[in-house]
PDB file of N, CA and C in Angstrom:
ATOM      1  N   MET A   1     -46.922 -88.975 -42.240  1.00  0.00           N
ATOM      2  CA  MET A   1     -48.213 -89.380 -41.445  1.00  0.00           C
ATOM      3  C   MET A   1     -49.112 -88.328 -41.380  1.00  0.00           C
ATOM      4  N   ASP A   2     -49.946 -88.228 -42.360  1.00  0.00           N
ATOM      5  CA  ASP A   2     -50.903 -86.952 -42.479  1.00  0.00           C
ATOM      6  C   ASP A   2     -52.130 -87.626 -42.118  1.00  0.00           C
ATOM      7  N   ASP A   3     -52.893 -87.196 -41.067  1.00  0.00           N
ATOM      8  CA  ASP A   3     -54.265 -87.675 -40.589  1.00  0.00           C
ATOM      9  C   ASP A   3     -55.568 -86.787 -41.335  1.00  0.00           C
ATOM     10  N   GLY A   4     -55.061 -85.786 -42.147  1.00  0.00           N
ATOM     11  CA  GLY A   4     -55.999 -85.011 -42.900  1.00  0.00           C
ATOM     12  C   GLY A   4     -56.472 -83.814 -42.216  1.00  0.00           C
ATOM     13  N   LYS A   5     -55.998 -83.611 -40.914  1.00  0.00           N
ATOM     14  CA  LYS A   5     -56.211 -82.375 -40.227  1.00  0.00           C
ATOM     15  C   LYS A   5     -55.269 -81.322 -40.534  1.00  0.00           C
ATOM     16  N   PRO A   6     -55.559 -80.021 -40.775  1.00  0.00           N
ATOM     17  CA  PRO A   6     -54.537 -79.100 -40.890  1.00  0.00           C
ATOM     18  C   PRO A   6     -53.668 -78.915 -39.679  1.00  0.00           C
ATOM     19  N   LYS A   7     -52.386 -78.578 -39.949  1.00  0.00           N
ATOM     20  CA  LYS A   7     -51.405 -78.226 -38.971  1.00  0.00           C
ATOM     21  C   LYS A   7     -51.777 -77.210 -38.031  1.00  0.00           C
ATOM     22  N   LEU A   8     -51.192 -77.154 -36.814  1.00  0.00           N
ATOM     23  CA  LEU A   8     -51.773 -76.204 -35.806  1.00  0.00           C
ATOM     24  C   LEU A   8     -51.480 -74.659 -36.312  1.00  0.00           C
ATOM     25  N   LEU A   9     -50.512 -74.323 -37.052  1.00  0.00           N
ATOM     26  CA  LEU A   9     -50.408 -72.914 -37.380  1.00  0.00           C
ATOM     27  C   LEU A   9     -51.274 -72.730 -38.577  1.00  0.00           C
ATOM     28  N   ASP A  10     -51.519 -73.616 -39.268  1.00  0.00           N
ATOM     29  CA  ASP A  10     -52.662 -73.536 -40.533  1.00  0.00           C
ATOM     30  C   ASP A  10     -54.053 -73.385 -39.793  1.00  0.00           C
ATOM     31  N   GLN A  11     -54.321 -74.131 -38.597  1.00  0.00           N
ATOM     32  CA  GLN A  11     -55.615 -73.820 -38.098  1.00  0.00           C
ATOM     33  C   GLN A  11     -55.715 -72.390 -37.463  1.00  0.00           C
ATOM     34  N   LEU A  12     -54.638 -72.010 -36.827  1.00  0.00           N
ATOM     35  CA  LEU A  12     -54.517 -70.706 -36.295  1.00  0.00           C
ATOM     36  C   LEU A  12     -54.891 -69.545 -37.250  1.00  0.00           C
ATOM     37  N   ARG A  13     -54.118 -69.724 -38.467  1.00  0.00           N
ATOM     38  CA  ARG A  13     -54.283 -68.702 -39.424  1.00  0.00           C
ATOM     39  C   ARG A  13     -55.722 -68.641 -40.089  1.00  0.00           C
ATOM     40  N   GLN A  14     -56.465 -69.955 -40.121  1.00  0.00           N
ATOM     41  CA  GLN A  14     -57.662 -70.007 -40.696  1.00  0.00           C
ATOM     42  C   GLN A  14     -58.644 -69.422 -39.590  1.00  0.00           C
ATOM     43  N   GLN A  15     -58.448 -69.564 -38.370  1.00  0.00           N
ATOM     44  CA  GLN A  15     -59.239 -68.882 -37.509  1.00  0.00           C
ATOM     45  C   GLN A  15     -59.107 -67.357 -37.511  1.00  0.00           C
ATOM     46  N   ILE A  16     -58.129 -66.930 -37.631  1.00  0.00           N
ATOM     47  CA  ILE A  16     -57.747 -65.608 -37.742  1.00  0.00           C
ATOM     48  C   ILE A  16     -58.485 -64.935 -38.897  1.00  0.00           C
ATOM     49  N   ARG A  17     -58.402 -65.542 -40.032  1.00  0.00           N
ATOM     50  CA  ARG A  17     -59.096 -65.067 -41.414  1.00  0.00           C
ATOM     51  C   ARG A  17     -60.527 -65.094 -41.066  1.00  0.00           C
ATOM     52  N   VAL A  18     -61.080 -66.096 -40.311  1.00  0.00           N
ATOM     53  CA  VAL A  18     -62.481 -66.185 -40.220  1.00  0.00           C
ATOM     54  C   VAL A  18     -63.020 -64.844 -39.571  1.00  0.00           C
ATOM     55  N   ARG A  19     -62.138 -64.431 -38.557  1.00  0.00           N
ATOM     56  CA  ARG A  19     -62.528 -63.350 -37.728  1.00  0.00           C
ATOM     57  C   ARG A  19     -62.216 -61.938 -38.500  1.00  0.00           C
ATOM     58  N   ASN A  20     -61.651 -62.033 -39.729  1.00  0.00           N
ATOM     59  CA  ASN A  20     -61.353 -60.933 -40.648  1.00  0.00           C
ATOM     60  C   ASN A  20     -60.277 -59.990 -39.903  1.00  0.00           C
ATOM     61  N   TYR A  21     -59.413 -60.636 -39.211  1.00  0.00           N
ATOM     62  CA  TYR A  21     -58.320 -59.739 -38.680  1.00  0.00           C
ATOM     63  C   TYR A  21     -57.264 -59.519 -39.726  1.00  0.00           C
ATOM     64  N   SER A  22     -56.517 -58.406 -39.522  1.00  0.00           N
ATOM     65  CA  SER A  22     -55.650 -57.941 -40.509  1.00  0.00           C
ATOM     66  C   SER A  22     -54.527 -58.946 -40.902  1.00  0.00           C
ATOM     67  N   ILE A  23     -53.721 -58.964 -41.900  1.00  0.00           N
ATOM     68  CA  ILE A  23     -52.681 -59.909 -42.313  1.00  0.00           C
ATOM     69  C   ILE A  23     -51.637 -59.555 -41.391  1.00  0.00           C
ATOM     70  N   ARG A  24     -51.311 -58.276 -40.820  1.00  0.00           N
ATOM     71  CA  ARG A  24     -50.196 -58.138 -39.997  1.00  0.00           C
ATOM     72  C   ARG A  24     -50.626 -58.872 -38.659  1.00  0.00           C
ATOM     73  N   THR A  25     -51.827 -58.697 -38.188  1.00  0.00           N
ATOM     74  CA  THR A  25     -52.232 -59.275 -37.064  1.00  0.00           C
ATOM     75  C   THR A  25     -52.098 -61.005 -37.048  1.00  0.00           C
ATOM     76  N   GLU A  26     -52.324 -61.475 -38.227  1.00  0.00           N
ATOM     77  CA  GLU A  26     -52.120 -63.007 -38.510  1.00  0.00           C
ATOM     78  C   GLU A  26     -50.600 -63.196 -38.327  1.00  0.00           C
ATOM     79  N   THR A  27     -49.745 -62.472 -38.971  1.00  0.00           N
ATOM     80  CA  THR A  27     -48.414 -62.662 -39.042  1.00  0.00           C
ATOM     81  C   THR A  27     -47.894 -62.742 -37.493  1.00  0.00           C
ATOM     82  N   VAL A  28     -48.212 -61.589 -36.753  1.00  0.00           N
ATOM     83  CA  VAL A  28     -47.639 -61.557 -35.440  1.00  0.00           C
ATOM     84  C   VAL A  28     -48.077 -62.689 -34.578  1.00  0.00           C
ATOM     85  N   TYR A  29     -49.401 -63.029 -34.576  1.00  0.00           N
ATOM     86  CA  TYR A  29     -50.010 -64.033 -33.838  1.00  0.00           C
ATOM     87  C   TYR A  29     -49.245 -65.459 -34.162  1.00  0.00           C
ATOM     88  N   ALA A  30     -48.926 -65.531 -35.547  1.00  0.00           N
ATOM     89  CA  ALA A  30     -48.295 -66.832 -35.860  1.00  0.00           C
ATOM     90  C   ALA A  30     -46.752 -66.838 -35.418  1.00  0.00           C
ATOM     91  N   GLU A  31     -46.237 -65.944 -35.299  1.00  0.00           N
ATOM     92  CA  GLU A  31     -44.842 -65.612 -34.976  1.00  0.00           C
ATOM     93  C   GLU A  31     -44.806 -65.893 -33.298  1.00  0.00           C
ATOM     94  N   TRP A  32     -45.603 -65.305 -32.554  1.00  0.00           N
ATOM     95  CA  TRP A  32     -45.803 -65.795 -31.248  1.00  0.00           C
ATOM     96  C   TRP A  32     -46.181 -67.147 -30.966  1.00  0.00           C
ATOM     97  N   ALA A  33     -46.994 -67.755 -31.704  1.00  0.00           N
ATOM     98  CA  ALA A  33     -47.308 -69.031 -31.573  1.00  0.00           C
ATOM     99  C   ALA A  33     -46.000 -70.146 -31.824  1.00  0.00           C
ATOM    100  N   LYS A  34     -45.229 -69.576 -32.790  1.00  0.00           N
ATOM    101  CA  LYS A  34     -44.113 -70.341 -33.260  1.00  0.00           C
ATOM    102  C   LYS A  34     -43.068 -70.267 -32.064  1.00  0.00           C
ATOM    103  N   ARG A  35     -43.035 -69.117 -31.533  1.00  0.00           N
ATOM    104  CA  ARG A  35     -42.071 -68.952 -30.314  1.00  0.00           C
ATOM    105  C   ARG A  35     -42.404 -69.788 -29.063  1.00  0.00           C
ATOM    106  N   TYR A  36     -43.675 -69.923 -28.770  1.00  0.00           N
ATOM    107  CA  TYR A  36     -44.349 -70.728 -27.644  1.00  0.00           C
ATOM    108  C   TYR A  36     -44.080 -72.220 -27.979  1.00  0.00           C
ATOM    109  N   ILE A  37     -44.245 -72.487 -29.177  1.00  0.00           N
ATOM    110  CA  ILE A  37     -43.913 -73.954 -29.714  1.00  0.00           C
ATOM    111  C   ILE A  37     -42.642 -74.403 -29.450  1.00  0.00           C
ATOM    112  N   ARG A  38     -41.613 -73.554 -29.910  1.00  0.00           N
ATOM    113  CA  ARG A  38     -40.208 -73.747 -29.727  1.00  0.00           C
ATOM    114  C   ARG A  38     -39.881 -73.791 -28.415  1.00  0.00           C
ATOM    115  N   PHE A  39     -40.302 -72.770 -27.663  1.00  0.00           N
ATOM    116  CA  PHE A  39     -39.972 -72.706 -26.074  1.00  0.00           C
ATOM    117  C   PHE A  39     -40.284 -73.852 -25.284  1.00  0.00           C
ATOM    118  N   HIS A  40     -41.318 -74.601 -25.656  1.00  0.00           N
ATOM    119  CA  HIS A  40     -41.823 -75.709 -25.090  1.00  0.00           C
ATOM    120  C   HIS A  40     -41.126 -77.059 -25.936  1.00  0.00           C
ATOM    121  N   ARG A  41     -40.277 -76.828 -26.697  1.00  0.00           N
ATOM    122  CA  ARG A  41     -39.678 -77.946 -27.211  1.00  0.00           C
ATOM    123  C   ARG A  41     -40.578 -78.931 -28.213  1.00  0.00           C
ATOM    124  N   TYR A  42     -41.513 -78.069 -28.751  1.00  0.00           N
ATOM    125  CA  TYR A  42     -42.456 -78.985 -29.776  1.00  0.00           C
ATOM    126  C   TYR A  42     -43.356 -79.971 -29.109  1.00  0.00           C
ATOM    127  N   ARG A  43     -43.793 -79.724 -27.817  1.00  0.00           N
ATOM    128  CA  ARG A  43     -44.650 -80.599 -27.147  1.00  0.00           C
ATOM    129  C   ARG A  43     -46.037 -80.432 -27.740  1.00  0.00           C
ATOM    130  N   HIS A  44     -46.776 -81.333 -27.684  1.00  0.00           N
ATOM    131  CA  HIS A  44     -48.187 -81.532 -28.208  1.00  0.00           C
ATOM    132  C   HIS A  44     -48.987 -80.412 -27.341  1.00  0.00           C
ATOM    133  N   PRO A  45     -49.941 -79.503 -27.867  1.00  0.00           N
ATOM    134  CA  PRO A  45     -50.712 -78.510 -27.167  1.00  0.00           C
ATOM    135  C   PRO A  45     -51.621 -79.442 -26.096  1.00  0.00           C
ATOM    136  N   ALA A  46     -51.873 -80.659 -26.469  1.00  0.00           N
ATOM    137  CA  ALA A  46     -52.736 -81.380 -25.493  1.00  0.00           C
ATOM    138  C   ALA A  46     -52.130 -81.715 -24.260  1.00  0.00           C
ATOM    139  N   GLU A  47     -50.714 -81.794 -24.308  1.00  0.00           N
ATOM    140  CA  GLU A  47     -50.132 -82.109 -22.994  1.00  0.00           C
ATOM    141  C   GLU A  47     -49.659 -80.955 -22.312  1.00  0.00           C
ATOM    142  N   MET A  48     -50.075 -79.748 -22.715  1.00  0.00           N
ATOM    143  CA  MET A  48     -49.692 -78.565 -21.703  1.00  0.00           C
ATOM    144  C   MET A  48     -51.108 -77.814 -21.333  1.00  0.00           C
ATOM    145  N   GLY A  49     -50.776 -77.064 -20.396  1.00  0.00           N
ATOM    146  CA  GLY A  49     -51.912 -76.078 -19.705  1.00  0.00           C
ATOM    147  C   GLY A  49     -51.523 -74.890 -19.424  1.00  0.00           C
ATOM    148  N   ALA A  50     -52.239 -74.413 -18.291  1.00  0.00           N
ATOM    149  CA  ALA A  50     -51.987 -73.162 -17.644  1.00  0.00           C
ATOM    150  C   ALA A  50     -50.583 -72.955 -17.137  1.00  0.00           C
ATOM    151  N   ALA A  51     -49.980 -73.933 -16.535  1.00  0.00           N
ATOM    152  CA  ALA A  51     -48.619 -73.861 -15.965  1.00  0.00           C
ATOM    153  C   ALA A  51     -47.516 -73.480 -17.127  1.00  0.00           C
ATOM    154  N   GLU A  52     -47.798 -74.136 -18.272  1.00  0.00           N
ATOM    155  CA  GLU A  52     -46.935 -73.885 -19.395  1.00  0.00           C
ATOM    156  C   GLU A  52     -47.092 -72.299 -19.893  1.00  0.00           C
ATOM    157  N   ILE A  53     -48.200 -71.936 -19.766  1.00  0.00           N
ATOM    158  CA  ILE A  53     -48.445 -70.579 -20.275  1.00  0.00           C
ATOM    159  C   ILE A  53     -47.851 -69.702 -19.306  1.00  0.00           C
ATOM    160  N   GLU A  54     -48.006 -69.945 -18.119  1.00  0.00           N
ATOM    161  CA  GLU A  54     -47.337 -69.001 -17.188  1.00  0.00           C
ATOM    162  C   GLU A  54     -45.853 -69.080 -17.244  1.00  0.00           C
ATOM    163  N   LEU A  55     -45.215 -70.352 -17.462  1.00  0.00           N
ATOM    164  CA  LEU A  55     -43.933 -70.345 -17.653  1.00  0.00           C
ATOM    165  C   LEU A  55     -43.227 -69.737 -18.861  1.00  0.00           C
ATOM    166  N   PHE A  56     -44.194 -69.736 -19.984  1.00  0.00           N
ATOM    167  CA  PHE A  56     -43.720 -68.883 -21.157  1.00  0.00           C
ATOM    168  C   PHE A  56     -43.605 -67.509 -20.838  1.00  0.00           C
TER     169      PHE A  56
END
C-alpha cells in the first residue's frame, strides 16, 4: 500500500542531505529515529506529541 510518499526515515535522510550534514550525522540521526520508533511500538508520528518525547 504505497501512497507515493517517501517513508519517514527516507524523508529524514533527504532533509539531512539538503542541509549538507555529514554522512556520519545522517547515520546517527537515523539510528536515534529508529530507536524512538521502536520504543513507541511503531505508532504513527501524527499520534504522538511532547509527552512521548519526554517519555523516550
